[in-house]
Amino acid sequence: MEKTIQATPTEYKGIIFRSKTEAILARCWDIFNEQNDSNITVHYEYEPKSLLLPDGYVPDFAVTTWYGDIKKSILMIIELKPCAVTETYKRKLGKRFDAILSIMGQSRIPMGFLQEVRMELFTCNFFEDNHINTSQVYQNGRFSAPHELRSGELDCIQQAKSYRFDLQPKINQISNEPKFEIPKPIKETKGVKTMVKLPSLASIIPKASEESAKTPPVTNIEEVKKRTVKMPSLKDIKAIASKKH
C-alpha cells in the first residue's frame, strides 16, 4: 500500500503556506540571509501571481539570488514535491516551465535585471531521516539527473526545522530583501549619470502586457515604413564629420 503524505498548512511571516515543507524552505532562505557575511542575498516570492498560467498552475517559488560583489542575479522558478514524481508528471511540468519562460520572454524582462533564469524541481521531505533531498534542473526540454542539495543548504534546513511556526514572529524579524543596493542600470542625461530604479518581477509582467495591448499590430508594409527609423549611410556620416571640422 502506497504511503500518503498529508500536507499541513503552515503560517510564516504572514503567509499561509500549503505545507510545512514549503514554510521550512522559506525559513531556510531567511536563515541564510541572517547568517551569511557575504554580499549574497536571497529573495523569495511564494506562488508568484505574475507567473500564473491559463490552466491555473503557478510555481511554488520564484527565488532571486543577488550577488552584490559581481552585480549578478539568478532567478530560480521552483516546483516543490515531497517525494519522487513520475515521468508523466515531469513531462507535464516541463511543458508548464516552457510556458512560463514564454511568458517571461514576451514580457521583455531586462537582461540586466535578471541575468540568468533556472527552472528546478525540488524533491524534499524534511521529516524522514533517510530521505535524500534533491533538485533537478529543467533545460532544453529535459530534466537533469537528481543531485543532492548542497551542505550549506542542508545546514540551513536543519535549523529551519526547529523553528516554532506556531509562535508569533518577532516584530523586527529580518526581511528577505537584499541587504545591499541592487545594481541598477545607469542612464546618462547631458553628461550626468543618474540611477534608474528597477521594477520588481511582479510588476514587470503586467505592465509589459498593458504596453503590448496599447500598441496595435502592424498590418501593412506602409505602416512598417512609418515605424522604421532610417539609419544614416557611411557617406552621410562622413559629410557630417567634415562639417564639424
Foldseek 3Di string as FASTA:
>chain_A
DDDDDDADFFDDPRDTARHVVLVLLVQLLLVCQVPDPAQKFKDKDAQQPLQQDPVRDTAGIWIKIAHVVVLAIETEGEHEAQADDDPVVVLVVLVSVVVSVVLVVLLCDDCSQHVYYWYKYWHHHPPDPPDFTWIWTDDPSDTDDTDGDDPSSVVSSVVSVPDDSVDDDDPPRDHRPRPDDRDFDWDDDPNDTDGDDDDDPSPSSVVSVVVVVVDDDDDDPVVVVVPDDDDDDPVVVVVVVVVVD
